[in-house]
Structure formats: structure tokens, C-alpha cells
All heavy atoms as atom14 arrays in JSON, in Angstrom:
{
  "sequence": "TGSTLLGILESRYPPFDPGRGQHFDAIVVLGGGIRAKGTLRP",
  "atom14_mask": [
    [1, 1, 1, 1, 1, 1, 1, 0, 0, 0, 0, 0, 0, 0],
    [1, 1, 1, 1, 0, 0, 0, 0, 0, 0, 0, 0, 0, 0],
    [1, 1, 1, 1, 1, 1, 0, 0, 0, 0, 0, 0, 0, 0],
    [1, 1, 1, 1, 1, 1, 1, 0, 0, 0, 0, 0, 0, 0],
    [1, 1, 1, 1, 1, 1, 1, 1, 0, 0, 0, 0, 0, 0],
    [1, 1, 1, 1, 1, 1, 1, 1, 0, 0, 0, 0, 0, 0],
    [1, 1, 1, 1, 0, 0, 0, 0, 0, 0, 0, 0, 0, 0],
    [1, 1, 1, 1, 1, 1, 1, 1, 0, 0, 0, 0, 0, 0],
    [1, 1, 1, 1, 1, 1, 1, 1, 0, 0, 0, 0, 0, 0],
    [1, 1, 1, 1, 1, 1, 1, 1, 1, 0, 0, 0, 0, 0],
    [1, 1, 1, 1, 1, 1, 0, 0, 0, 0, 0, 0, 0, 0],
    [1, 1, 1, 1, 1, 1, 1, 1, 1, 1, 1, 0, 0, 0],
    [1, 1, 1, 1, 1, 1, 1, 1, 1, 1, 1, 1, 0, 0],
    [1, 1, 1, 1, 1, 1, 1, 0, 0, 0, 0, 0, 0, 0],
    [1, 1, 1, 1, 1, 1, 1, 0, 0, 0, 0, 0, 0, 0],
    [1, 1, 1, 1, 1, 1, 1, 1, 1, 1, 1, 0, 0, 0],
    [1, 1, 1, 1, 1, 1, 1, 1, 0, 0, 0, 0, 0, 0],
    [1, 1, 1, 1, 1, 1, 1, 0, 0, 0, 0, 0, 0, 0],
    [1, 1, 1, 1, 0, 0, 0, 0, 0, 0, 0, 0, 0, 0],
    [1, 1, 1, 1, 1, 1, 1, 1, 1, 1, 1, 0, 0, 0],
    [1, 1, 1, 1, 0, 0, 0, 0, 0, 0, 0, 0, 0, 0],
    [1, 1, 1, 1, 1, 1, 1, 1, 1, 0, 0, 0, 0, 0],
    [1, 1, 1, 1, 1, 1, 1, 1, 1, 1, 0, 0, 0, 0],
    [1, 1, 1, 1, 1, 1, 1, 1, 1, 1, 1, 0, 0, 0],
    [1, 1, 1, 1, 1, 1, 1, 1, 0, 0, 0, 0, 0, 0],
    [1, 1, 1, 1, 1, 0, 0, 0, 0, 0, 0, 0, 0, 0],
    [1, 1, 1, 1, 1, 1, 1, 1, 0, 0, 0, 0, 0, 0],
    [1, 1, 1, 1, 1, 1, 1, 0, 0, 0, 0, 0, 0, 0],
    [1, 1, 1, 1, 1, 1, 1, 0, 0, 0, 0, 0, 0, 0],
    [1, 1, 1, 1, 1, 1, 1, 1, 0, 0, 0, 0, 0, 0],
    [1, 1, 1, 1, 0, 0, 0, 0, 0, 0, 0, 0, 0, 0],
    [1, 1, 1, 1, 0, 0, 0, 0, 0, 0, 0, 0, 0, 0],
    [1, 1, 1, 1, 0, 0, 0, 0, 0, 0, 0, 0, 0, 0],
    [1, 1, 1, 1, 1, 1, 1, 1, 0, 0, 0, 0, 0, 0],
    [1, 1, 1, 1, 1, 1, 1, 1, 1, 1, 1, 0, 0, 0],
    [1, 1, 1, 1, 1, 0, 0, 0, 0, 0, 0, 0, 0, 0],
    [1, 1, 1, 1, 1, 1, 1, 1, 1, 0, 0, 0, 0, 0],
    [1, 1, 1, 1, 0, 0, 0, 0, 0, 0, 0, 0, 0, 0],
    [1, 1, 1, 1, 1, 1, 1, 0, 0, 0, 0, 0, 0, 0],
    [1, 1, 1, 1, 1, 1, 1, 1, 0, 0, 0, 0, 0, 0],
    [1, 1, 1, 1, 1, 1, 1, 1, 1, 1, 1, 0, 0, 0],
    [1, 1, 1, 1, 1, 1, 1, 0, 0, 0, 0, 0, 0, 0]
  ],
  "atom14_positions": [
    [[5.61, -26.81, 62.9], [4.29, -26.72, 62.29], [3.66, -25.35, 62.55], [3.21, -24.68, 61.61], [3.37, -27.83, 62.84], [3.97, -29.1, 62.61], [2.0, -27.77, 62.17], [0.0, 0.0, 0.0], [0.0, 0.0, 0.0], [0.0, 0.0, 0.0], [0.0, 0.0, 0.0], [0.0, 0.0, 0.0], [0.0, 0.0, 0.0], [0.0, 0.0, 0.0]],
    [[3.62, -24.95, 63.81], [3.01, -23.67, 64.14], [3.73, -22.5, 63.5], [3.1, -21.59, 62.94], [0.0, 0.0, 0.0], [0.0, 0.0, 0.0], [0.0, 0.0, 0.0], [0.0, 0.0, 0.0], [0.0, 0.0, 0.0], [0.0, 0.0, 0.0], [0.0, 0.0, 0.0], [0.0, 0.0, 0.0], [0.0, 0.0, 0.0], [0.0, 0.0, 0.0]],
    [[5.07, -22.5, 63.57], [5.83, -21.38, 63.01], [5.71, -21.32, 61.49], [5.66, -20.24, 60.9], [7.3, -21.47, 63.43], [7.89, -22.66, 62.95], [0.0, 0.0, 0.0], [0.0, 0.0, 0.0], [0.0, 0.0, 0.0], [0.0, 0.0, 0.0], [0.0, 0.0, 0.0], [0.0, 0.0, 0.0], [0.0, 0.0, 0.0], [0.0, 0.0, 0.0]],
    [[5.64, -22.49, 60.84], [5.52, -22.5, 59.38], [4.15, -21.99, 58.94], [4.04, -21.16, 58.03], [5.74, -23.92, 58.83], [7.07, -24.36, 59.16], [5.56, -23.95, 57.32], [0.0, 0.0, 0.0], [0.0, 0.0, 0.0], [0.0, 0.0, 0.0], [0.0, 0.0, 0.0], [0.0, 0.0, 0.0], [0.0, 0.0, 0.0], [0.0, 0.0, 0.0]],
    [[3.09, -22.48, 59.59], [1.75, -22.03, 59.21], [1.57, -20.55, 59.47], [1.02, -19.82, 58.63], [0.7, -22.84, 59.99], [0.59, -24.32, 59.64], [-0.42, -25.01, 60.54], [0.21, -24.51, 58.17], [0.0, 0.0, 0.0], [0.0, 0.0, 0.0], [0.0, 0.0, 0.0], [0.0, 0.0, 0.0], [0.0, 0.0, 0.0], [0.0, 0.0, 0.0]],
    [[2.03, -20.06, 60.62], [1.94, -18.63, 60.9], [2.85, -17.83, 59.97], [2.5, -16.73, 59.55], [2.32, -18.34, 62.35], [1.2, -18.35, 63.38], [1.74, -17.94, 64.74], [0.04, -17.45, 63.0], [0.0, 0.0, 0.0], [0.0, 0.0, 0.0], [0.0, 0.0, 0.0], [0.0, 0.0, 0.0], [0.0, 0.0, 0.0], [0.0, 0.0, 0.0]],
    [[4.0, -18.42, 59.64], [4.92, -17.73, 58.76], [4.34, -17.47, 57.38], [4.64, -16.44, 56.76], [0.0, 0.0, 0.0], [0.0, 0.0, 0.0], [0.0, 0.0, 0.0], [0.0, 0.0, 0.0], [0.0, 0.0, 0.0], [0.0, 0.0, 0.0], [0.0, 0.0, 0.0], [0.0, 0.0, 0.0], [0.0, 0.0, 0.0], [0.0, 0.0, 0.0]],
    [[3.52, -18.39, 56.9], [2.87, -18.18, 55.6], [1.98, -16.94, 55.65], [1.96, -16.13, 54.71], [2.05, -19.42, 55.22], [2.98, -20.62, 54.98], [1.2, -19.16, 53.99], [2.25, -21.94, 54.8], [0.0, 0.0, 0.0], [0.0, 0.0, 0.0], [0.0, 0.0, 0.0], [0.0, 0.0, 0.0], [0.0, 0.0, 0.0], [0.0, 0.0, 0.0]],
    [[1.25, -16.77, 56.75], [0.39, -15.61, 56.91], [1.21, -14.34, 57.16], [0.92, -13.28, 56.6], [-0.58, -15.84, 58.07], [-1.64, -16.92, 57.87], [-2.33, -17.25, 59.19], [-2.68, -16.48, 56.84], [0.0, 0.0, 0.0], [0.0, 0.0, 0.0], [0.0, 0.0, 0.0], [0.0, 0.0, 0.0], [0.0, 0.0, 0.0], [0.0, 0.0, 0.0]],
    [[2.23, -14.45, 58.01], [3.0, -13.27, 58.37], [3.82, -12.73, 57.19], [4.11, -11.53, 57.12], [3.94, -13.6, 59.54], [3.22, -13.82, 60.85], [4.18, -13.99, 62.01], [5.31, -14.46, 61.8], [3.78, -13.65, 63.14], [0.0, 0.0, 0.0], [0.0, 0.0, 0.0], [0.0, 0.0, 0.0], [0.0, 0.0, 0.0], [0.0, 0.0, 0.0]],
    [[4.2, -13.61, 56.27], [5.02, -13.19, 55.14], [4.22, -12.4, 54.1], [4.81, -11.84, 53.16], [5.66, -14.4, 54.47], [6.53, -15.07, 55.36], [0.0, 0.0, 0.0], [0.0, 0.0, 0.0], [0.0, 0.0, 0.0], [0.0, 0.0, 0.0], [0.0, 0.0, 0.0], [0.0, 0.0, 0.0], [0.0, 0.0, 0.0], [0.0, 0.0, 0.0]],
    [[2.91, -12.35, 54.26], [2.06, -11.66, 53.27], [2.38, -10.17, 53.24], [2.39, -9.55, 52.16], [0.59, -11.9, 53.64], [-0.4, -11.19, 52.74], [-0.52, -11.85, 51.39], [-1.49, -11.17, 50.56], [-2.81, -11.4, 50.59], [-3.29, -12.33, 51.42], [-3.62, -10.74, 49.81], [0.0, 0.0, 0.0], [0.0, 0.0, 0.0], [0.0, 0.0, 0.0]],
    [[2.66, -9.58, 54.41], [2.93, -8.14, 54.46], [4.24, -7.88, 55.2], [4.42, -8.35, 56.32], [1.79, -7.4, 55.18], [0.47, -7.47, 54.42], [-0.54, -8.31, 54.85], [0.27, -6.71, 53.28], [-1.75, -8.37, 54.15], [-0.92, -6.78, 52.57], [-1.93, -7.61, 53.02], [-3.11, -7.69, 52.32], [0.0, 0.0, 0.0], [0.0, 0.0, 0.0]],
    [[5.15, -7.13, 54.57], [6.44, -6.83, 55.2], [6.26, -5.77, 56.29], [5.21, -5.12, 56.38], [7.27, -6.29, 54.04], [6.25, -5.66, 53.13], [5.03, -6.53, 53.23], [0.0, 0.0, 0.0], [0.0, 0.0, 0.0], [0.0, 0.0, 0.0], [0.0, 0.0, 0.0], [0.0, 0.0, 0.0], [0.0, 0.0, 0.0], [0.0, 0.0, 0.0]],
    [[7.27, -5.58, 57.13], [7.2, -4.52, 58.13], [6.95, -3.15, 57.48], [7.48, -2.88, 56.4], [8.57, -4.57, 58.81], [9.04, -5.98, 58.59], [8.51, -6.38, 57.24], [0.0, 0.0, 0.0], [0.0, 0.0, 0.0], [0.0, 0.0, 0.0], [0.0, 0.0, 0.0], [0.0, 0.0, 0.0], [0.0, 0.0, 0.0], [0.0, 0.0, 0.0]],
    [[6.17, -2.34, 58.14], [5.86, -1.01, 57.62], [7.07, -0.11, 57.78], [7.69, -0.06, 58.84], [4.67, -0.42, 58.36], [4.38, 1.02, 57.99], [3.89, 1.34, 56.74], [4.62, 2.02, 58.91], [3.62, 2.66, 56.39], [4.35, 3.35, 58.58], [3.85, 3.67, 57.32], [0.0, 0.0, 0.0], [0.0, 0.0, 0.0], [0.0, 0.0, 0.0]],
    [[7.41, 0.6, 56.71], [8.55, 1.51, 56.73], [8.04, 2.94, 56.79], [7.6, 3.5, 55.78], [9.4, 1.3, 55.47], [10.61, 2.22, 55.43], [10.88, 2.89, 56.45], [11.28, 2.28, 54.37], [0.0, 0.0, 0.0], [0.0, 0.0, 0.0], [0.0, 0.0, 0.0], [0.0, 0.0, 0.0], [0.0, 0.0, 0.0], [0.0, 0.0, 0.0]],
    [[8.09, 3.59, 57.96], [7.57, 4.95, 58.08], [8.45, 5.99, 57.41], [8.12, 7.17, 57.39], [7.53, 5.16, 59.59], [8.6, 4.26, 60.13], [8.6, 3.06, 59.23], [0.0, 0.0, 0.0], [0.0, 0.0, 0.0], [0.0, 0.0, 0.0], [0.0, 0.0, 0.0], [0.0, 0.0, 0.0], [0.0, 0.0, 0.0], [0.0, 0.0, 0.0]],
    [[9.57, 5.56, 56.84], [10.46, 6.52, 56.2], [10.08, 6.85, 54.78], [10.81, 7.54, 54.08], [0.0, 0.0, 0.0], [0.0, 0.0, 0.0], [0.0, 0.0, 0.0], [0.0, 0.0, 0.0], [0.0, 0.0, 0.0], [0.0, 0.0, 0.0], [0.0, 0.0, 0.0], [0.0, 0.0, 0.0], [0.0, 0.0, 0.0], [0.0, 0.0, 0.0]],
    [[8.9, 6.37, 54.34], [8.49, 6.61, 52.96], [7.77, 7.93, 52.77], [7.27, 8.24, 51.71], [7.6, 5.46, 52.49], [8.36, 4.16, 52.26], [7.45, 3.04, 51.83], [6.77, 2.44, 52.98], [5.94, 1.41, 52.9], [5.69, 0.88, 51.72], [5.38, 0.92, 53.97], [0.0, 0.0, 0.0], [0.0, 0.0, 0.0], [0.0, 0.0, 0.0]],
    [[7.66, 8.73, 53.82], [7.04, 10.04, 53.71], [5.54, 10.01, 53.56], [4.93, 10.97, 53.08], [0.0, 0.0, 0.0], [0.0, 0.0, 0.0], [0.0, 0.0, 0.0], [0.0, 0.0, 0.0], [0.0, 0.0, 0.0], [0.0, 0.0, 0.0], [0.0, 0.0, 0.0], [0.0, 0.0, 0.0], [0.0, 0.0, 0.0], [0.0, 0.0, 0.0]],
    [[4.91, 8.94, 53.99], [3.46, 8.82, 53.86], [2.76, 9.53, 55.02], [3.3, 9.67, 56.11], [3.05, 7.35, 53.83], [3.52, 6.61, 52.6], [3.2, 5.13, 52.68], [3.73, 4.42, 53.51], [2.31, 4.66, 51.81], [0.0, 0.0, 0.0], [0.0, 0.0, 0.0], [0.0, 0.0, 0.0], [0.0, 0.0, 0.0], [0.0, 0.0, 0.0]],
    [[1.53, 9.95, 54.73], [0.7, 10.58, 55.76], [-0.72, 10.05, 55.57], [-1.18, 9.84, 54.45], [0.72, 12.1, 55.65], [0.1, 12.78, 56.82], [0.74, 12.93, 58.03], [-1.13, 13.34, 56.98], [-0.06, 13.55, 58.89], [-1.2, 13.81, 58.27], [0.0, 0.0, 0.0], [0.0, 0.0, 0.0], [0.0, 0.0, 0.0], [0.0, 0.0, 0.0]],
    [[-1.42, 9.85, 56.69], [-2.74, 9.24, 56.66], [-3.74, 10.09, 57.44], [-3.35, 10.91, 58.28], [-2.68, 7.83, 57.27], [-1.65, 6.94, 56.63], [-0.34, 6.93, 57.1], [-1.97, 6.16, 55.54], [0.62, 6.12, 56.52], [-1.03, 5.35, 54.95], [0.28, 5.33, 55.43], [0.0, 0.0, 0.0], [0.0, 0.0, 0.0], [0.0, 0.0, 0.0]],
    [[-5.01, 9.87, 57.15], [-6.05, 10.56, 57.9], [-6.19, 9.99, 59.31], [-6.55, 10.71, 60.25], [-7.4, 10.44, 57.19], [-7.4, 11.15, 55.84], [-6.77, 12.21, 55.75], [-8.04, 10.63, 54.9], [0.0, 0.0, 0.0], [0.0, 0.0, 0.0], [0.0, 0.0, 0.0], [0.0, 0.0, 0.0], [0.0, 0.0, 0.0], [0.0, 0.0, 0.0]],
    [[-5.92, 8.69, 59.45], [-6.05, 8.05, 60.77], [-5.21, 6.79, 60.83], [-4.97, 6.13, 59.82], [-7.51, 7.72, 61.07], [0.0, 0.0, 0.0], [0.0, 0.0, 0.0], [0.0, 0.0, 0.0], [0.0, 0.0, 0.0], [0.0, 0.0, 0.0], [0.0, 0.0, 0.0], [0.0, 0.0, 0.0], [0.0, 0.0, 0.0], [0.0, 0.0, 0.0]],
    [[-4.76, 6.47, 62.03], [-4.15, 5.18, 62.33], [-5.21, 4.35, 63.05], [-5.74, 4.78, 64.07], [-2.91, 5.34, 63.23], [-1.85, 6.18, 62.51], [-2.35, 3.98, 63.63], [-0.72, 6.65, 63.43], [0.0, 0.0, 0.0], [0.0, 0.0, 0.0], [0.0, 0.0, 0.0], [0.0, 0.0, 0.0], [0.0, 0.0, 0.0], [0.0, 0.0, 0.0]],
    [[-5.54, 3.2, 62.5], [-6.59, 2.34, 63.06], [-5.93, 1.12, 63.71], [-5.2, 0.39, 63.06], [-7.58, 1.89, 61.97], [-8.63, 0.93, 62.56], [-8.26, 3.1, 61.34], [0.0, 0.0, 0.0], [0.0, 0.0, 0.0], [0.0, 0.0, 0.0], [0.0, 0.0, 0.0], [0.0, 0.0, 0.0], [0.0, 0.0, 0.0], [0.0, 0.0, 0.0]],
    [[-6.21, 0.93, 65.0], [-5.65, -0.19, 65.76], [-6.78, -1.14, 66.14], [-7.78, -0.72, 66.72], [-4.93, 0.3, 67.03], [-4.32, -0.88, 67.78], [-3.87, 1.33, 66.7], [0.0, 0.0, 0.0], [0.0, 0.0, 0.0], [0.0, 0.0, 0.0], [0.0, 0.0, 0.0], [0.0, 0.0, 0.0], [0.0, 0.0, 0.0], [0.0, 0.0, 0.0]],
    [[-6.63, -2.41, 65.83], [-7.64, -3.41, 66.14], [-7.31, -4.11, 67.46], [-6.18, -4.54, 67.68], [-7.72, -4.45, 65.03], [-7.93, -3.91, 63.61], [-8.15, -5.07, 62.64], [-9.1, -2.93, 63.55], [0.0, 0.0, 0.0], [0.0, 0.0, 0.0], [0.0, 0.0, 0.0], [0.0, 0.0, 0.0], [0.0, 0.0, 0.0], [0.0, 0.0, 0.0]],
    [[-8.31, -4.22, 68.32], [-8.12, -4.88, 69.61], [-7.89, -6.37, 69.44], [-8.27, -6.98, 68.44], [0.0, 0.0, 0.0], [0.0, 0.0, 0.0], [0.0, 0.0, 0.0], [0.0, 0.0, 0.0], [0.0, 0.0, 0.0], [0.0, 0.0, 0.0], [0.0, 0.0, 0.0], [0.0, 0.0, 0.0], [0.0, 0.0, 0.0], [0.0, 0.0, 0.0]],
    [[-7.26, -6.97, 70.47], [-6.96, -8.39, 70.4], [-7.29, -9.14, 71.67], [-6.79, -10.24, 71.89], [0.0, 0.0, 0.0], [0.0, 0.0, 0.0], [0.0, 0.0, 0.0], [0.0, 0.0, 0.0], [0.0, 0.0, 0.0], [0.0, 0.0, 0.0], [0.0, 0.0, 0.0], [0.0, 0.0, 0.0], [0.0, 0.0, 0.0], [0.0, 0.0, 0.0]],
    [[-8.17, -8.57, 72.5], [-8.59, -9.27, 73.71], [-8.39, -8.44, 74.97], [-7.51, -7.57, 75.03], [0.0, 0.0, 0.0], [0.0, 0.0, 0.0], [0.0, 0.0, 0.0], [0.0, 0.0, 0.0], [0.0, 0.0, 0.0], [0.0, 0.0, 0.0], [0.0, 0.0, 0.0], [0.0, 0.0, 0.0], [0.0, 0.0, 0.0], [0.0, 0.0, 0.0]],
    [[-9.25, -8.69, 75.95], [-9.18, -7.99, 77.23], [-9.55, -8.97, 78.34], [-10.35, -9.88, 78.13], [-10.12, -6.76, 77.24], [-9.89, -5.91, 78.49], [-11.58, -7.17, 77.09], [-10.61, -4.56, 78.44], [0.0, 0.0, 0.0], [0.0, 0.0, 0.0], [0.0, 0.0, 0.0], [0.0, 0.0, 0.0], [0.0, 0.0, 0.0], [0.0, 0.0, 0.0]],
    [[-8.95, -8.78, 79.51], [-9.22, -9.63, 80.67], [-10.08, -8.84, 81.65], [-9.68, -7.76, 82.11], [-7.92, -10.07, 81.33], [-6.94, -10.76, 80.4], [-5.72, -11.23, 81.16], [-4.7, -11.78, 80.25], [-3.6, -11.13, 79.88], [-3.39, -9.89, 80.33], [-2.73, -11.68, 79.07], [0.0, 0.0, 0.0], [0.0, 0.0, 0.0], [0.0, 0.0, 0.0]],
    [[-11.23, -9.39, 81.99], [-12.14, -8.7, 82.9], [-11.64, -8.76, 84.34], [-10.97, -9.71, 84.75], [-13.54, -9.31, 82.81], [0.0, 0.0, 0.0], [0.0, 0.0, 0.0], [0.0, 0.0, 0.0], [0.0, 0.0, 0.0], [0.0, 0.0, 0.0], [0.0, 0.0, 0.0], [0.0, 0.0, 0.0], [0.0, 0.0, 0.0], [0.0, 0.0, 0.0]],
    [[-11.97, -7.73, 85.11], [-11.56, -7.68, 86.52], [-12.34, -8.72, 87.32], [-13.41, -9.18, 86.95], [-11.82, -6.29, 87.09], [-13.28, -5.86, 87.11], [-13.41, -4.44, 87.64], [-14.86, -3.98, 87.64], [-15.01, -2.59, 88.13], [0.0, 0.0, 0.0], [0.0, 0.0, 0.0], [0.0, 0.0, 0.0], [0.0, 0.0, 0.0], [0.0, 0.0, 0.0]],
    [[-11.77, -9.1, 88.48], [-12.4, -10.08, 89.35], [-11.83, -9.97, 90.75], [-11.22, -8.95, 91.11], [0.0, 0.0, 0.0], [0.0, 0.0, 0.0], [0.0, 0.0, 0.0], [0.0, 0.0, 0.0], [0.0, 0.0, 0.0], [0.0, 0.0, 0.0], [0.0, 0.0, 0.0], [0.0, 0.0, 0.0], [0.0, 0.0, 0.0], [0.0, 0.0, 0.0]],
    [[-12.0, -11.0, 91.54], [-11.55, -10.95, 92.93], [-10.03, -10.97, 93.04], [-9.48, -10.52, 94.05], [-12.13, -12.13, 93.72], [-11.77, -13.36, 93.08], [-13.66, -12.03, 93.79], [0.0, 0.0, 0.0], [0.0, 0.0, 0.0], [0.0, 0.0, 0.0], [0.0, 0.0, 0.0], [0.0, 0.0, 0.0], [0.0, 0.0, 0.0], [0.0, 0.0, 0.0]],
    [[-9.33, -11.49, 92.04], [-7.86, -11.45, 92.04], [-7.32, -10.34, 91.15], [-6.22, -9.85, 91.37], [-7.3, -12.8, 91.56], [-7.48, -13.99, 92.51], [-6.92, -15.25, 91.88], [-6.77, -13.72, 93.84], [0.0, 0.0, 0.0], [0.0, 0.0, 0.0], [0.0, 0.0, 0.0], [0.0, 0.0, 0.0], [0.0, 0.0, 0.0], [0.0, 0.0, 0.0]],
    [[-8.07, -9.97, 90.12], [-7.65, -8.91, 89.2], [-8.47, -7.67, 89.49], [-9.66, -7.6, 89.14], [-7.84, -9.38, 87.75], [-7.26, -8.44, 86.71], [-7.52, -8.94, 85.3], [-6.91, -10.25, 85.07], [-7.57, -11.31, 84.65], [-8.88, -11.24, 84.41], [-6.96, -12.45, 84.47], [0.0, 0.0, 0.0], [0.0, 0.0, 0.0], [0.0, 0.0, 0.0]],
    [[-7.9, -6.65, 90.11], [-8.7, -5.51, 90.57], [-9.26, -4.62, 89.47], [-10.25, -3.92, 89.68], [-7.71, -4.73, 91.46], [-6.36, -5.11, 90.95], [-6.48, -6.53, 90.49], [0.0, 0.0, 0.0], [0.0, 0.0, 0.0], [0.0, 0.0, 0.0], [0.0, 0.0, 0.0], [0.0, 0.0, 0.0], [0.0, 0.0, 0.0], [0.0, 0.0, 0.0]]
  ]
}
């Protein structure tokens, strides 16, 4: 169930092929979460 539902979303865009000679003004990376420090995590 999980792999099929995610697969529908993941199949929307194929892997990026950098061999196509493309150039961009910027590469934009979106964050996906961070763990705050604490008494166990310095």
C-alpha cells in the first residue's frame, strides 16, 4: 500500500539527467526537517 501510493507520486518526474547540457541560475534545495539540540543531542 505505502509503496504503491508513493510510487504514483514518485513516477510523476523521472530522475534528472545532468548530461543534457543544461545550465541554471540557481539550484534550489528544500529542507525536510531538523532535530533540535538537547541534553542528549549536543
